[in-house]
């Protein structure tokens, strides 16, 4: 089994919902601990809720963009009234502090090293499958007695 020890933290697009994907960078355990401690210290100084400030610190370290899956020039995220929410540092902070779902998604993905490990299984497209009948026929011949 592969383990997520990376020389540089990888970034990858992850589907947030059916319309939106988010560019997230892996946060290793030591960095997460630092983020949480710094967030708690900053919250004390600002007299703010520690959880919200920690979320902002995590968002800054882990979230590098979002976009619509089918039209990458569109932001993908929408406010409840239907207005688009383009990716900006301010909107990232807003989303991660006001949306429980987004905050939990970022935390879960960014801290799960297995999300960033490629399994080296290439995806097949139509061109890869066009000669499938010939390949299967060839395998069938090889399995029949007398074709040695």
C-alpha atoms as a PDB file:
ATOM      1  CA  UNK A   1       0.000   0.000   0.000  1.00  0.00           C
ATOM      2  CA  UNK A   2       1.261   3.459  -0.870  1.00  0.00           C
ATOM      3  CA  UNK A   3       1.655   5.980   1.938  1.00  0.00           C
ATOM      4  CA  UNK A   4       1.288   9.711   1.487  1.00  0.00           C
ATOM      5  CA  UNK A   5       4.723  11.094   2.196  1.00  0.00           C
ATOM      6  CA  UNK A   6       5.333  13.801  -0.386  1.00  0.00           C
ATOM      7  CA  UNK A   7       8.416  15.911  -1.156  1.00  0.00           C
ATOM      8  CA  UNK A   8       6.145  18.818  -2.040  1.00  0.00           C
ATOM      9  CA  UNK A   9       2.471  18.967  -1.116  1.00  0.00           C
ATOM     10  CA  UNK A  10       0.407  17.852  -4.121  1.00  0.00           C
ATOM     11  CA  UNK A  11      -2.599  19.768  -5.421  1.00  0.00           C
ATOM     12  CA  UNK A  12      -5.553  18.163  -7.129  1.00  0.00           C
ATOM     13  CA  UNK A  13      -9.071  19.067  -8.305  1.00  0.00           C
ATOM     14  CA  UNK A  14     -11.836  17.344  -6.299  1.00  0.00           C
ATOM     15  CA  UNK A  15     -15.582  17.373  -7.014  1.00  0.00           C
ATOM     16  CA  UNK A  16     -17.426  19.325  -4.315  1.00  0.00           C
ATOM     17  CA  UNK A  17     -20.863  18.720  -5.809  1.00  0.00           C
ATOM     18  CA  UNK A  18     -22.296  17.857  -9.219  1.00  0.00           C
ATOM     19  CA  UNK A  19     -21.361  21.294 -10.617  1.00  0.00           C
ATOM     20  CA  UNK A  20     -18.240  22.441  -8.774  1.00  0.00           C
ATOM     21  CA  UNK A  21     -14.693  21.210  -8.282  1.00  0.00           C
ATOM     22  CA  UNK A  22     -12.173  22.611  -5.816  1.00  0.00           C
ATOM     23  CA  UNK A  23      -8.373  22.763  -6.138  1.00  0.00           C
ATOM     24  CA  UNK A  24      -7.052  21.452  -2.826  1.00  0.00           C
ATOM     25  CA  UNK A  25      -3.500  21.032  -1.598  1.00  0.00           C
ATOM     26  CA  UNK A  26      -2.620  18.219   0.780  1.00  0.00           C
ATOM     27  CA  UNK A  27      -1.924  19.317   4.353  1.00  0.00           C
ATOM     28  CA  UNK A  28       0.411  16.983   6.222  1.00  0.00           C
ATOM     29  CA  UNK A  29      -0.068  16.267   9.922  1.00  0.00           C
ATOM     30  CA  UNK A  30       2.661  18.601  11.215  1.00  0.00           C
ATOM     31  CA  UNK A  31       1.388  21.502   9.104  1.00  0.00           C
ATOM     32  CA  UNK A  32      -2.184  20.874  10.248  1.00  0.00           C
ATOM     33  CA  UNK A  33      -1.070  21.053  13.883  1.00  0.00           C
ATOM     34  CA  UNK A  34       0.721  24.348  13.159  1.00  0.00           C
ATOM     35  CA  UNK A  35      -2.363  25.754  11.403  1.00  0.00           C
ATOM     36  CA  UNK A  36      -4.585  24.841  14.333  1.00  0.00           C
ATOM     37  CA  UNK A  37      -2.198  26.337  16.909  1.00  0.00           C
ATOM     38  CA  UNK A  38      -1.664  29.539  14.917  1.00  0.00           C
ATOM     39  CA  UNK A  39      -5.398  29.872  14.366  1.00  0.00           C
ATOM     40  CA  UNK A  40      -6.104  29.495  18.084  1.00  0.00           C
ATOM     41  CA  UNK A  41      -3.438  32.091  18.967  1.00  0.00           C
ATOM     42  CA  UNK A  42      -4.706  34.551  16.356  1.00  0.00           C
ATOM     43  CA  UNK A  43      -8.293  34.069  17.581  1.00  0.00           C
ATOM     44  CA  UNK A  44      -7.236  34.967  21.146  1.00  0.00           C
ATOM     45  CA  UNK A  45      -5.561  38.158  19.947  1.00  0.00           C
ATOM     46  CA  UNK A  46      -8.564  39.091  17.819  1.00  0.00           C
ATOM     47  CA  UNK A  47     -11.101  37.976  20.448  1.00  0.00           C
ATOM     48  CA  UNK A  48     -12.731  35.811  17.795  1.00  0.00           C
ATOM     49  CA  UNK A  49     -13.956  32.229  17.696  1.00  0.00           C
ATOM     50  CA  UNK A  50     -10.994  29.872  17.417  1.00  0.00           C
ATOM     51  CA  UNK A  51     -12.812  27.527  15.031  1.00  0.00           C
ATOM     52  CA  UNK A  52     -13.534  30.278  12.514  1.00  0.00           C
ATOM     53  CA  UNK A  53      -9.972  31.596  12.515  1.00  0.00           C
ATOM     54  CA  UNK A  54      -8.588  28.063  12.246  1.00  0.00           C
ATOM     55  CA  UNK A  55     -10.893  27.470   9.268  1.00  0.00           C
ATOM     56  CA  UNK A  56      -9.549  30.613   7.585  1.00  0.00           C
ATOM     57  CA  UNK A  57      -5.947  29.460   8.159  1.00  0.00           C
ATOM     58  CA  UNK A  58      -6.785  25.994   6.797  1.00  0.00           C
ATOM     59  CA  UNK A  59      -8.531  27.483   3.773  1.00  0.00           C
ATOM     60  CA  UNK A  60      -5.551  29.686   2.990  1.00  0.00           C
ATOM     61  CA  UNK A  61      -3.199  26.698   3.168  1.00  0.00           C
ATOM     62  CA  UNK A  62      -5.399  24.190   1.342  1.00  0.00           C
ATOM     63  CA  UNK A  63      -7.838  25.854  -1.096  1.00  0.00           C
ATOM     64  CA  UNK A  64      -6.397  27.289  -4.317  1.00  0.00           C
ATOM     65  CA  UNK A  65      -9.460  27.664  -6.493  1.00  0.00           C
ATOM     66  CA  UNK A  66     -12.885  26.447  -7.502  1.00  0.00           C
ATOM     67  CA  UNK A  67     -14.653  26.287 -10.816  1.00  0.00           C
ATOM     68  CA  UNK A  68     -17.639  24.831 -12.606  1.00  0.00           C
ATOM     69  CA  UNK A  69     -16.858  21.335 -13.838  1.00  0.00           C
ATOM     70  CA  UNK A  70     -18.517  21.733 -17.257  1.00  0.00           C
ATOM     71  CA  UNK A  71     -17.444  25.359 -17.883  1.00  0.00           C
ATOM     72  CA  UNK A  72     -14.155  26.079 -16.182  1.00  0.00           C
ATOM     73  CA  UNK A  73     -14.469  29.817 -16.868  1.00  0.00           C
ATOM     74  CA  UNK A  74     -17.424  29.930 -14.456  1.00  0.00           C
ATOM     75  CA  UNK A  75     -16.992  29.849 -10.666  1.00  0.00           C
ATOM     76  CA  UNK A  76     -19.317  26.916 -10.046  1.00  0.00           C
ATOM     77  CA  UNK A  77     -20.237  28.026  -6.529  1.00  0.00           C
ATOM     78  CA  UNK A  78     -23.443  29.982  -6.181  1.00  0.00           C
ATOM     79  CA  UNK A  79     -24.950  31.912  -3.295  1.00  0.00           C
ATOM     80  CA  UNK A  80     -28.473  30.930  -2.158  1.00  0.00           C
ATOM     81  CA  UNK A  81     -29.953  33.687  -4.371  1.00  0.00           C
ATOM     82  CA  UNK A  82     -28.175  32.194  -7.426  1.00  0.00           C
ATOM     83  CA  UNK A  83     -25.418  34.808  -7.677  1.00  0.00           C
ATOM     84  CA  UNK A  84     -22.036  33.344  -8.626  1.00  0.00           C
ATOM     85  CA  UNK A  85     -19.342  33.204  -5.948  1.00  0.00           C
ATOM     86  CA  UNK A  86     -16.021  33.558  -7.804  1.00  0.00           C
ATOM     87  CA  UNK A  87     -12.850  32.320  -6.149  1.00  0.00           C
ATOM     88  CA  UNK A  88     -11.078  35.087  -4.243  1.00  0.00           C
ATOM     89  CA  UNK A  89      -9.323  35.000  -0.858  1.00  0.00           C
ATOM     90  CA  UNK A  90     -12.303  36.854   0.652  1.00  0.00           C
ATOM     91  CA  UNK A  91     -14.828  34.412  -0.843  1.00  0.00           C
ATOM     92  CA  UNK A  92     -12.677  31.451   0.236  1.00  0.00           C
ATOM     93  CA  UNK A  93     -12.779  32.807   3.810  1.00  0.00           C
ATOM     94  CA  UNK A  94     -16.529  33.368   3.540  1.00  0.00           C
ATOM     95  CA  UNK A  95     -17.208  29.868   2.212  1.00  0.00           C
ATOM     96  CA  UNK A  96     -15.033  28.074   4.746  1.00  0.00           C
ATOM     97  CA  UNK A  97     -16.384  29.995   7.752  1.00  0.00           C
ATOM     98  CA  UNK A  98     -20.068  30.145   6.772  1.00  0.00           C
ATOM     99  CA  UNK A  99     -20.614  26.786   5.062  1.00  0.00           C
ATOM    100  CA  UNK A 100     -20.284  23.799   7.346  1.00  0.00           C
ATOM    101  CA  UNK A 101     -20.400  21.503   4.317  1.00  0.00           C
ATOM    102  CA  UNK A 102     -17.542  23.300   2.554  1.00  0.00           C
ATOM    103  CA  UNK A 103     -15.429  23.504   5.723  1.00  0.00           C
ATOM    104  CA  UNK A 104     -15.836  19.785   6.427  1.00  0.00           C
ATOM    105  CA  UNK A 105     -15.136  18.929   2.774  1.00  0.00           C
ATOM    106  CA  UNK A 106     -11.862  20.908   2.757  1.00  0.00           C
ATOM    107  CA  UNK A 107     -10.705  19.442   6.068  1.00  0.00           C
ATOM    108  CA  UNK A 108     -11.576  15.867   5.054  1.00  0.00           C
ATOM    109  CA  UNK A 109      -9.918  16.034   1.633  1.00  0.00           C
ATOM    110  CA  UNK A 110      -6.864  18.133   2.518  1.00  0.00           C
ATOM    111  CA  UNK A 111      -5.862  15.918   5.450  1.00  0.00           C
ATOM    112  CA  UNK A 112      -6.498  12.549   3.772  1.00  0.00           C
ATOM    113  CA  UNK A 113      -3.246  11.596   2.060  1.00  0.00           C
ATOM    114  CA  UNK A 114      -4.893   8.770   0.135  1.00  0.00           C
ATOM    115  CA  UNK A 115      -6.881  11.359  -1.843  1.00  0.00           C
ATOM    116  CA  UNK A 116      -3.607  12.554  -3.393  1.00  0.00           C
ATOM    117  CA  UNK A 117      -2.058   9.191  -4.246  1.00  0.00           C
ATOM    118  CA  UNK A 118      -2.445   8.113  -7.843  1.00  0.00           C
ATOM    119  CA  UNK A 119      -3.154   4.430  -8.257  1.00  0.00           C
ATOM    120  CA  UNK A 120      -1.402   4.386 -11.646  1.00  0.00           C
ATOM    121  CA  UNK A 121      -4.469   2.880 -13.299  1.00  0.00           C
ATOM    122  CA  UNK A 122      -4.806   4.594 -16.657  1.00  0.00           C
ATOM    123  CA  UNK A 123      -8.311   5.508 -17.730  1.00  0.00           C
ATOM    124  CA  UNK A 124      -9.502   4.119 -21.047  1.00  0.00           C
ATOM    125  CA  UNK A 125     -11.150   6.188 -23.717  1.00  0.00           C
ATOM    126  CA  UNK A 126     -12.938   5.187 -26.923  1.00  0.00           C
ATOM    127  CA  UNK A 127      -9.688   4.985 -28.934  1.00  0.00           C
ATOM    128  CA  UNK A 128      -8.257   2.517 -26.407  1.00  0.00           C
ATOM    129  CA  UNK A 129     -11.287   0.271 -26.827  1.00  0.00           C
ATOM    130  CA  UNK A 130     -11.645   0.356 -30.626  1.00  0.00           C
ATOM    131  CA  UNK A 131      -9.612  -2.833 -31.148  1.00  0.00           C
ATOM    132  CA  UNK A 132     -11.083  -4.649 -28.146  1.00  0.00           C
ATOM    133  CA  UNK A 133     -12.887  -7.237 -30.293  1.00  0.00           C
ATOM    134  CA  UNK A 134      -9.617  -8.184 -32.033  1.00  0.00           C
ATOM    135  CA  UNK A 135      -7.774  -8.486 -28.708  1.00  0.00           C
ATOM    136  CA  UNK A 136     -10.534 -10.652 -27.203  1.00  0.00           C
ATOM    137  CA  UNK A 137     -10.587 -12.855 -30.298  1.00  0.00           C
ATOM    138  CA  UNK A 138      -6.793 -13.276 -30.061  1.00  0.00           C
ATOM    139  CA  UNK A 139      -7.034 -14.275 -26.376  1.00  0.00           C
ATOM    140  CA  UNK A 140      -9.773 -16.774 -27.225  1.00  0.00           C
ATOM    141  CA  UNK A 141      -7.515 -18.425 -29.838  1.00  0.00           C
ATOM    142  CA  UNK A 142      -4.658 -18.684 -27.337  1.00  0.00           C
ATOM    143  CA  UNK A 143      -6.863 -20.444 -24.788  1.00  0.00           C
ATOM    144  CA  UNK A 144      -8.048 -23.136 -27.231  1.00  0.00           C
ATOM    145  CA  UNK A 145      -6.124 -26.411 -27.254  1.00  0.00           C
ATOM    146  CA  UNK A 146      -3.767 -26.818 -30.163  1.00  0.00           C
ATOM    147  CA  UNK A 147      -2.830 -23.116 -30.400  1.00  0.00           C
ATOM    148  CA  UNK A 148       0.478 -23.416 -28.644  1.00  0.00           C
END
